[in-house]
N, C-alpha and C. Protein backbone atom coordinates (compact mmCIF):
# COMPACT_ATOMS: atom_id res chain seq x y z
N UNK A 1 112.03 129.67 105.11
CA UNK A 1 111.33 129.01 104.01
C UNK A 1 111.16 127.53 104.37
N UNK A 2 109.99 126.96 104.12
CA UNK A 2 109.71 125.56 104.41
C UNK A 2 110.08 124.72 103.19
N UNK A 3 111.28 124.13 103.21
CA UNK A 3 111.79 123.35 102.09
C UNK A 3 111.04 122.03 101.92
N UNK A 4 110.38 121.55 102.99
CA UNK A 4 109.69 120.26 102.92
C UNK A 4 108.56 120.25 101.91
N UNK A 5 107.96 121.41 101.67
CA UNK A 5 106.80 121.46 100.79
C UNK A 5 107.15 121.90 99.37
N UNK A 6 108.43 122.09 99.09
CA UNK A 6 108.84 122.49 97.75
C UNK A 6 109.03 121.26 96.88
N UNK A 7 108.61 121.31 95.63
CA UNK A 7 108.83 120.16 94.74
C UNK A 7 110.33 119.98 94.48
N UNK A 8 110.74 118.73 94.33
CA UNK A 8 112.15 118.41 94.11
C UNK A 8 112.68 119.10 92.85
N UNK A 9 111.87 119.16 91.80
CA UNK A 9 112.32 119.80 90.55
C UNK A 9 112.68 121.27 90.79
N UNK A 10 111.94 121.95 91.66
CA UNK A 10 112.23 123.35 91.99
C UNK A 10 113.56 123.44 92.73
N UNK A 11 113.76 122.55 93.71
CA UNK A 11 115.01 122.57 94.48
C UNK A 11 116.20 122.31 93.59
N UNK A 12 116.08 121.39 92.65
CA UNK A 12 117.18 121.07 91.74
C UNK A 12 117.52 122.29 90.89
N UNK A 13 116.48 122.98 90.32
CA UNK A 13 116.72 124.15 89.48
C UNK A 13 117.32 125.31 90.27
N UNK A 14 116.77 125.58 91.46
CA UNK A 14 117.15 126.77 92.21
C UNK A 14 118.41 126.60 93.03
N UNK A 15 118.69 125.41 93.47
CA UNK A 15 119.83 125.23 94.36
C UNK A 15 120.93 124.39 93.74
N UNK A 16 120.87 124.17 92.45
CA UNK A 16 121.90 123.49 91.68
C UNK A 16 122.39 122.22 92.37
N UNK A 17 121.46 121.34 92.70
CA UNK A 17 121.84 120.05 93.26
C UNK A 17 122.61 119.30 92.19
N UNK A 18 123.80 118.80 92.52
CA UNK A 18 124.61 118.14 91.48
C UNK A 18 123.94 116.89 90.96
N UNK A 19 124.33 116.51 89.74
CA UNK A 19 123.79 115.29 89.14
C UNK A 19 124.18 114.08 89.98
N UNK A 20 123.37 113.08 89.88
CA UNK A 20 123.61 111.81 90.58
C UNK A 20 124.84 111.14 89.97
N UNK A 21 125.73 110.68 90.81
CA UNK A 21 126.95 110.03 90.34
C UNK A 21 126.86 108.55 90.67
N UNK A 22 126.71 107.71 89.66
CA UNK A 22 126.56 106.28 89.85
C UNK A 22 127.93 105.61 89.79
N UNK A 23 128.36 105.01 90.89
CA UNK A 23 129.65 104.33 90.94
C UNK A 23 129.56 102.89 90.48
N UNK A 24 128.39 102.46 90.08
CA UNK A 24 128.22 101.07 89.66
C UNK A 24 128.10 100.15 90.86
N UNK A 25 128.37 98.89 90.64
CA UNK A 25 128.29 97.90 91.71
C UNK A 25 129.58 97.87 92.51
N UNK A 26 129.47 97.41 93.74
CA UNK A 26 130.66 97.16 94.55
C UNK A 26 131.23 95.84 94.04
N UNK A 27 132.19 95.92 93.18
CA UNK A 27 132.65 94.71 92.50
C UNK A 27 134.10 94.34 92.83
N UNK A 28 134.69 95.01 93.81
CA UNK A 28 136.06 94.69 94.22
C UNK A 28 136.04 94.17 95.66
N UNK A 29 136.77 93.09 95.89
CA UNK A 29 136.78 92.46 97.21
C UNK A 29 138.05 92.85 97.96
N UNK A 30 137.88 93.24 99.23
CA UNK A 30 139.03 93.53 100.07
C UNK A 30 139.82 92.24 100.26
N UNK A 31 141.12 92.28 100.03
CA UNK A 31 141.96 91.09 100.13
C UNK A 31 142.12 90.63 101.58
N UNK A 32 141.86 91.52 102.54
CA UNK A 32 142.02 91.15 103.95
C UNK A 32 140.76 90.54 104.55
N UNK A 33 139.60 91.18 104.31
CA UNK A 33 138.39 90.73 105.01
C UNK A 33 137.28 90.24 104.09
N UNK A 34 137.41 90.48 102.78
CA UNK A 34 136.40 90.01 101.85
C UNK A 34 135.23 90.96 101.64
N UNK A 35 135.27 92.15 102.26
CA UNK A 35 134.20 93.12 102.07
C UNK A 35 134.16 93.57 100.62
N UNK A 36 132.96 93.80 100.11
CA UNK A 36 132.81 94.28 98.74
C UNK A 36 132.92 95.81 98.73
N UNK A 37 133.75 96.33 97.86
CA UNK A 37 134.06 97.76 97.83
C UNK A 37 133.91 98.31 96.42
N UNK A 38 133.83 99.64 96.31
CA UNK A 38 133.89 100.32 95.02
C UNK A 38 135.35 100.61 94.69
N UNK A 39 135.67 100.64 93.45
CA UNK A 39 137.04 100.92 93.01
C UNK A 39 137.51 102.28 93.55
N UNK A 40 136.59 103.24 93.60
CA UNK A 40 136.94 104.59 94.06
C UNK A 40 137.31 104.61 95.54
N UNK A 41 137.08 103.53 96.28
CA UNK A 41 137.41 103.48 97.70
C UNK A 41 138.82 102.90 97.95
N UNK A 42 139.56 102.62 96.89
CA UNK A 42 140.89 102.03 97.04
C UNK A 42 141.83 102.98 97.76
N UNK A 43 142.87 102.42 98.36
CA UNK A 43 143.84 103.21 99.10
C UNK A 43 144.63 104.15 98.20
N UNK A 44 145.23 103.63 97.17
CA UNK A 44 146.09 104.41 96.28
C UNK A 44 145.28 104.87 95.07
N UNK A 45 144.74 106.09 95.17
CA UNK A 45 143.88 106.60 94.10
C UNK A 45 144.67 107.16 92.92
N UNK A 46 145.99 107.28 93.08
CA UNK A 46 146.82 107.81 92.01
C UNK A 46 147.31 106.72 91.06
N UNK A 47 147.03 105.46 91.39
CA UNK A 47 147.51 104.35 90.60
C UNK A 47 146.35 103.47 90.18
N UNK A 48 146.30 103.15 88.90
CA UNK A 48 145.28 102.21 88.40
C UNK A 48 145.82 100.79 88.55
N UNK A 49 145.00 99.91 89.10
CA UNK A 49 145.42 98.54 89.33
C UNK A 49 144.22 97.60 89.22
N UNK A 50 144.49 96.37 88.86
CA UNK A 50 143.40 95.39 88.79
C UNK A 50 143.19 94.73 90.15
N UNK A 51 144.15 94.92 91.10
CA UNK A 51 144.02 94.37 92.45
C UNK A 51 144.19 95.48 93.48
N UNK A 52 143.19 96.36 93.60
CA UNK A 52 143.32 97.48 94.55
C UNK A 52 143.27 97.00 96.00
N UNK A 53 143.89 97.77 96.88
CA UNK A 53 143.85 97.51 98.31
C UNK A 53 142.91 98.50 98.98
N UNK A 54 142.25 98.05 100.05
CA UNK A 54 141.26 98.88 100.74
C UNK A 54 141.56 98.89 102.24
N UNK A 55 141.09 99.94 102.92
CA UNK A 55 141.25 99.98 104.37
C UNK A 55 140.01 100.51 105.08
N UNK A 56 139.03 100.99 104.34
CA UNK A 56 137.83 101.52 104.97
C UNK A 56 137.06 100.46 105.76
N UNK A 57 137.18 99.23 105.33
CA UNK A 57 136.41 98.15 105.93
C UNK A 57 137.06 97.59 107.19
N UNK A 58 138.33 97.20 107.12
CA UNK A 58 138.97 96.48 108.22
C UNK A 58 140.32 97.06 108.63
N UNK A 59 140.68 98.20 108.06
CA UNK A 59 141.98 98.82 108.33
C UNK A 59 143.12 97.84 108.06
N UNK A 60 143.00 97.15 106.93
CA UNK A 60 144.01 96.16 106.51
C UNK A 60 144.20 95.08 107.58
N UNK A 61 143.09 94.51 107.98
CA UNK A 61 143.01 93.38 108.92
C UNK A 61 143.30 93.77 110.37
N UNK A 62 143.30 95.06 110.69
CA UNK A 62 143.49 95.48 112.08
C UNK A 62 142.19 95.39 112.87
N UNK A 63 141.06 95.49 112.18
CA UNK A 63 139.75 95.39 112.81
C UNK A 63 139.09 94.11 112.33
N UNK A 64 138.66 93.29 113.26
CA UNK A 64 138.00 92.04 112.88
C UNK A 64 136.63 91.98 113.55
N UNK A 65 135.60 92.00 112.75
CA UNK A 65 134.24 91.88 113.24
C UNK A 65 133.76 90.46 113.01
N UNK A 66 132.91 89.96 113.91
CA UNK A 66 132.37 88.62 113.68
C UNK A 66 131.45 88.62 112.46
N UNK A 67 131.40 87.50 111.77
CA UNK A 67 130.50 87.39 110.64
C UNK A 67 129.07 87.47 111.13
N UNK A 68 128.21 88.02 110.29
CA UNK A 68 126.79 88.07 110.63
C UNK A 68 126.25 86.65 110.71
N UNK A 69 125.43 86.43 111.71
CA UNK A 69 124.80 85.12 111.84
C UNK A 69 123.63 85.05 110.87
N UNK A 70 123.36 83.87 110.38
CA UNK A 70 122.18 83.68 109.53
C UNK A 70 120.93 83.85 110.37
N UNK A 71 119.90 84.39 109.77
CA UNK A 71 118.62 84.52 110.47
C UNK A 71 118.08 83.12 110.75
N UNK A 72 117.32 82.96 111.84
CA UNK A 72 116.69 81.66 112.09
C UNK A 72 115.85 81.27 110.88
N UNK A 73 115.71 79.97 110.61
CA UNK A 73 114.97 79.53 109.42
C UNK A 73 113.57 80.12 109.29
N UNK A 74 112.86 80.25 110.40
CA UNK A 74 111.50 80.79 110.33
C UNK A 74 111.51 82.23 109.83
N UNK A 75 112.40 83.06 110.39
CA UNK A 75 112.50 84.45 109.97
C UNK A 75 113.01 84.56 108.54
N UNK A 76 114.01 83.76 108.20
CA UNK A 76 114.56 83.76 106.85
C UNK A 76 113.48 83.42 105.83
N UNK A 77 112.64 82.45 106.14
CA UNK A 77 111.56 82.09 105.23
C UNK A 77 110.55 83.23 105.11
N UNK A 78 110.23 83.90 106.22
CA UNK A 78 109.29 85.02 106.14
C UNK A 78 109.85 86.14 105.27
N UNK A 79 111.15 86.41 105.40
CA UNK A 79 111.76 87.51 104.65
C UNK A 79 111.97 87.20 103.17
N UNK A 80 112.32 85.95 102.86
CA UNK A 80 112.72 85.62 101.49
C UNK A 80 111.87 84.56 100.82
N UNK A 81 110.92 83.97 101.55
CA UNK A 81 110.09 82.90 100.99
C UNK A 81 109.08 83.41 99.97
N UNK A 82 108.46 82.47 99.28
CA UNK A 82 107.47 82.82 98.26
C UNK A 82 106.10 82.23 98.55
N UNK A 83 105.95 81.56 99.70
CA UNK A 83 104.65 80.97 100.03
C UNK A 83 103.67 82.05 100.49
N UNK A 84 102.44 81.66 100.74
CA UNK A 84 101.38 82.60 101.10
C UNK A 84 101.71 83.36 102.39
N UNK A 85 102.19 82.65 103.41
CA UNK A 85 102.51 83.28 104.69
C UNK A 85 103.66 84.28 104.54
N UNK A 86 104.68 83.92 103.77
CA UNK A 86 105.82 84.82 103.54
C UNK A 86 105.37 86.07 102.79
N UNK A 87 104.55 85.90 101.78
CA UNK A 87 104.05 87.03 101.00
C UNK A 87 103.25 87.98 101.90
N UNK A 88 102.41 87.40 102.78
CA UNK A 88 101.64 88.22 103.71
C UNK A 88 102.58 89.02 104.62
N UNK A 89 103.62 88.37 105.15
CA UNK A 89 104.57 89.06 106.01
C UNK A 89 105.29 90.18 105.26
N UNK A 90 105.75 89.90 104.04
CA UNK A 90 106.46 90.90 103.24
C UNK A 90 105.57 92.09 102.93
N UNK A 91 104.30 91.82 102.65
CA UNK A 91 103.36 92.91 102.34
C UNK A 91 103.01 93.75 103.56
N UNK A 92 103.15 93.17 104.77
CA UNK A 92 102.73 93.85 106.00
C UNK A 92 103.88 94.10 106.96
N UNK A 93 105.10 94.03 106.48
CA UNK A 93 106.26 94.15 107.36
C UNK A 93 106.27 95.49 108.09
N UNK A 94 105.82 96.54 107.44
CA UNK A 94 105.80 97.86 108.10
C UNK A 94 104.84 97.85 109.29
N UNK A 95 103.70 97.22 109.13
CA UNK A 95 102.74 97.13 110.24
C UNK A 95 103.32 96.33 111.40
N UNK A 96 103.98 95.23 111.09
CA UNK A 96 104.60 94.44 112.14
C UNK A 96 105.68 95.24 112.86
N UNK A 97 106.46 96.01 112.12
CA UNK A 97 107.49 96.84 112.72
C UNK A 97 106.87 97.90 113.64
N UNK A 98 105.75 98.47 113.24
CA UNK A 98 105.10 99.50 114.03
C UNK A 98 104.56 98.96 115.35
N UNK A 99 104.30 97.66 115.42
CA UNK A 99 103.80 97.09 116.66
C UNK A 99 104.77 97.31 117.81
N UNK A 100 106.05 97.46 117.50
CA UNK A 100 107.05 97.58 118.54
C UNK A 100 107.59 99.00 118.68
N UNK A 101 106.92 99.95 118.06
CA UNK A 101 107.36 101.34 118.09
C UNK A 101 106.61 102.12 119.17
N UNK A 102 107.30 103.06 119.80
CA UNK A 102 106.66 103.93 120.78
C UNK A 102 105.92 105.07 120.11
N UNK A 103 106.34 105.43 118.91
CA UNK A 103 105.65 106.46 118.14
C UNK A 103 105.38 105.91 116.76
N UNK A 104 104.57 106.61 116.02
CA UNK A 104 104.28 106.21 114.66
C UNK A 104 104.52 107.38 113.73
N UNK A 105 105.08 107.09 112.58
CA UNK A 105 105.36 108.12 111.59
C UNK A 105 104.07 108.47 110.87
N UNK A 106 103.83 109.75 110.70
CA UNK A 106 102.65 110.18 109.97
C UNK A 106 103.03 111.08 108.82
N UNK A 107 102.16 111.17 107.85
CA UNK A 107 102.40 112.01 106.69
C UNK A 107 101.65 111.46 105.51
N UNK A 108 101.87 112.05 104.36
CA UNK A 108 101.21 111.60 103.13
C UNK A 108 102.09 110.54 102.47
N UNK A 109 101.65 109.29 102.55
CA UNK A 109 102.42 108.18 101.99
C UNK A 109 102.03 107.99 100.54
N UNK A 110 103.02 107.97 99.67
CA UNK A 110 102.79 107.76 98.23
C UNK A 110 102.85 106.26 97.97
N UNK A 111 101.72 105.65 97.61
CA UNK A 111 101.67 104.20 97.41
C UNK A 111 101.68 103.81 95.94
N UNK A 112 101.49 104.75 95.04
CA UNK A 112 101.35 104.40 93.62
C UNK A 112 102.66 103.94 92.98
N UNK A 113 103.79 104.10 93.66
CA UNK A 113 105.06 103.70 93.05
C UNK A 113 105.34 102.22 93.22
N UNK A 114 104.58 101.51 94.03
CA UNK A 114 104.81 100.08 94.27
C UNK A 114 103.91 99.23 93.39
N UNK A 115 104.13 99.33 92.10
CA UNK A 115 103.28 98.58 91.17
C UNK A 115 104.00 97.39 90.54
N UNK A 116 105.32 97.34 90.65
CA UNK A 116 106.08 96.26 90.02
C UNK A 116 106.40 95.16 91.00
N UNK A 117 107.32 94.32 90.59
CA UNK A 117 107.71 93.18 91.42
C UNK A 117 108.97 93.47 92.23
N UNK A 118 109.47 94.70 92.18
CA UNK A 118 110.69 95.04 92.90
C UNK A 118 110.45 95.17 94.39
N UNK A 119 111.49 95.54 95.14
CA UNK A 119 111.34 95.69 96.59
C UNK A 119 110.38 96.82 96.91
N UNK A 120 109.71 96.72 98.04
CA UNK A 120 108.78 97.74 98.50
C UNK A 120 109.53 99.05 98.71
N UNK A 121 108.96 100.15 98.25
CA UNK A 121 109.54 101.47 98.44
C UNK A 121 108.60 102.30 99.27
N UNK A 122 109.10 102.89 100.34
CA UNK A 122 108.30 103.76 101.20
C UNK A 122 108.66 105.19 100.86
N UNK A 123 107.69 105.94 100.34
CA UNK A 123 107.91 107.32 99.95
C UNK A 123 106.94 108.20 100.72
N UNK A 124 107.48 109.12 101.48
CA UNK A 124 106.68 110.03 102.28
C UNK A 124 106.79 111.41 101.66
N UNK A 125 105.66 112.01 101.29
CA UNK A 125 105.67 113.32 100.65
C UNK A 125 105.24 114.40 101.64
N UNK A 126 105.74 115.59 101.40
CA UNK A 126 105.34 116.72 102.24
C UNK A 126 105.96 116.63 103.62
N UNK A 127 105.26 117.20 104.58
CA UNK A 127 105.77 117.27 105.94
C UNK A 127 105.44 115.98 106.68
N UNK A 128 106.40 115.44 107.40
CA UNK A 128 106.12 114.25 108.20
C UNK A 128 106.03 114.63 109.67
N UNK A 129 105.49 113.74 110.46
CA UNK A 129 105.31 114.01 111.88
C UNK A 129 105.26 112.69 112.63
N UNK A 130 105.33 112.77 113.95
CA UNK A 130 105.24 111.59 114.80
C UNK A 130 103.93 111.63 115.57
N UNK A 131 103.31 110.48 115.70
CA UNK A 131 102.10 110.35 116.50
C UNK A 131 102.50 109.64 117.80
N UNK A 132 102.30 110.29 118.92
CA UNK A 132 102.66 109.68 120.18
C UNK A 132 101.43 109.40 121.02
N UNK A 133 100.58 110.38 121.17
CA UNK A 133 99.39 110.19 121.99
C UNK A 133 99.72 110.24 123.47
N UNK A 134 98.69 110.05 124.29
CA UNK A 134 98.88 110.09 125.74
C UNK A 134 99.36 108.74 126.24
N UNK A 135 99.72 108.68 127.51
CA UNK A 135 100.18 107.42 128.09
C UNK A 135 99.02 106.49 128.43
N UNK A 136 97.82 107.02 128.53
CA UNK A 136 96.64 106.19 128.80
C UNK A 136 95.67 106.31 127.63
N UNK A 137 95.05 105.21 127.23
CA UNK A 137 94.09 105.30 126.12
C UNK A 137 92.82 106.02 126.58
N UNK A 138 92.11 106.59 125.62
CA UNK A 138 90.83 107.22 125.92
C UNK A 138 89.85 106.14 126.35
N UNK A 139 88.84 106.53 127.10
CA UNK A 139 87.81 105.59 127.58
C UNK A 139 87.21 104.81 126.41
N UNK A 140 87.28 103.50 126.46
CA UNK A 140 86.71 102.63 125.43
C UNK A 140 87.59 102.43 124.21
N UNK A 141 88.70 103.16 124.11
CA UNK A 141 89.59 103.03 122.95
C UNK A 141 90.65 101.97 123.23
N UNK A 142 91.13 101.35 122.16
CA UNK A 142 92.20 100.36 122.30
C UNK A 142 93.53 101.07 122.51
N UNK A 143 94.42 100.49 123.29
CA UNK A 143 95.75 101.08 123.47
C UNK A 143 96.51 101.12 122.14
N UNK A 144 97.39 102.12 121.99
CA UNK A 144 98.23 102.24 120.81
C UNK A 144 99.55 102.90 121.18
N UNK A 145 100.55 102.77 120.32
CA UNK A 145 101.88 103.33 120.51
C UNK A 145 102.46 102.89 121.86
N UNK A 146 102.98 103.82 122.66
CA UNK A 146 103.61 103.47 123.93
C UNK A 146 102.62 102.83 124.90
N UNK A 147 101.33 103.11 124.75
CA UNK A 147 100.32 102.52 125.63
C UNK A 147 100.36 100.99 125.57
N UNK A 148 100.74 100.44 124.44
CA UNK A 148 100.79 98.99 124.30
C UNK A 148 101.79 98.36 125.27
N UNK A 149 102.80 99.12 125.66
CA UNK A 149 103.85 98.58 126.52
C UNK A 149 103.54 98.79 128.00
N UNK A 150 102.81 99.85 128.35
CA UNK A 150 102.68 100.19 129.76
C UNK A 150 101.26 100.11 130.31
N UNK A 151 100.26 100.19 129.48
CA UNK A 151 98.89 100.27 129.99
C UNK A 151 98.40 98.94 130.54
N UNK A 152 98.55 97.89 129.78
CA UNK A 152 97.98 96.60 130.15
C UNK A 152 99.03 95.52 129.89
N UNK A 153 99.98 95.42 130.80
CA UNK A 153 101.11 94.54 130.53
C UNK A 153 100.71 93.07 130.41
N UNK A 154 99.64 92.66 131.08
CA UNK A 154 99.21 91.27 130.97
C UNK A 154 98.72 90.93 129.56
N UNK A 155 98.22 91.91 128.85
CA UNK A 155 97.66 91.66 127.53
C UNK A 155 98.41 92.39 126.42
N UNK A 156 99.68 92.79 126.69
CA UNK A 156 100.37 93.62 125.70
C UNK A 156 100.56 92.92 124.36
N UNK A 157 100.81 91.64 124.35
CA UNK A 157 100.99 90.94 123.08
C UNK A 157 99.69 90.96 122.30
N UNK A 158 98.57 90.67 122.94
CA UNK A 158 97.26 90.71 122.28
C UNK A 158 96.98 92.12 121.78
N UNK A 159 97.33 93.14 122.57
CA UNK A 159 97.12 94.52 122.14
C UNK A 159 97.90 94.83 120.87
N UNK A 160 99.14 94.37 120.79
CA UNK A 160 99.96 94.61 119.60
C UNK A 160 99.38 93.92 118.37
N UNK A 161 98.94 92.71 118.56
CA UNK A 161 98.34 91.99 117.43
C UNK A 161 97.07 92.67 116.99
N UNK A 162 96.22 93.06 117.93
CA UNK A 162 94.96 93.73 117.58
C UNK A 162 95.18 95.10 116.93
N UNK A 163 96.28 95.75 117.27
CA UNK A 163 96.55 97.10 116.73
C UNK A 163 96.76 97.09 115.22
N UNK A 164 97.17 95.96 114.66
CA UNK A 164 97.45 95.93 113.22
C UNK A 164 96.39 95.18 112.44
N UNK A 165 95.36 94.74 113.08
CA UNK A 165 94.29 94.03 112.37
C UNK A 165 93.39 95.01 111.65
C-alpha cells in the first residue's frame, strides 16, 4: 500500500496514531552546562523537585562542547534583519540553498499555509522525488544541479546565480 498518498486523517483513524503530547517549553536549565531541558528529561523521574538534574546534554559536565560561534554580522543581518535586502534573502532562502545542492527536491509544494507573519513553513504533499539530471546540460540549456559544479568550473558562480533568477 502506498502510504504517501493517503490523507493524514485516514491514517490517524485507521492506524490509531496517538494524540500529540505537548511538553511545553524547555524551561529548565542544566546546572552543569546551561542547556535548556524539559522537566521530563530530568535524571530522577521518581522525585518531584524545583531544581532537577540532567545528563542528556553534558553527562553531568563530562562532555564539554565549544559554544556556538555567532554568525558573521553580514549573515546575521540577512537571517534576522528587517531591511529590504534581508527580507529578500529570507523570502528566497530555499532558492539560495538549492544553488549548492547536487539534486533538487520535487513534489507538490503547498504554499497556501504561509499567509501570516510566522516563520516560513515548507510543506510537501503527496509523493516526493529528487531531480538529478545528466552530468552534461542539453545543447543550449543552462547547467543545473550537479552540472553547476563540474560542467563549467570557470563560470560556476555565475551559473549558480543565473539558476535562481
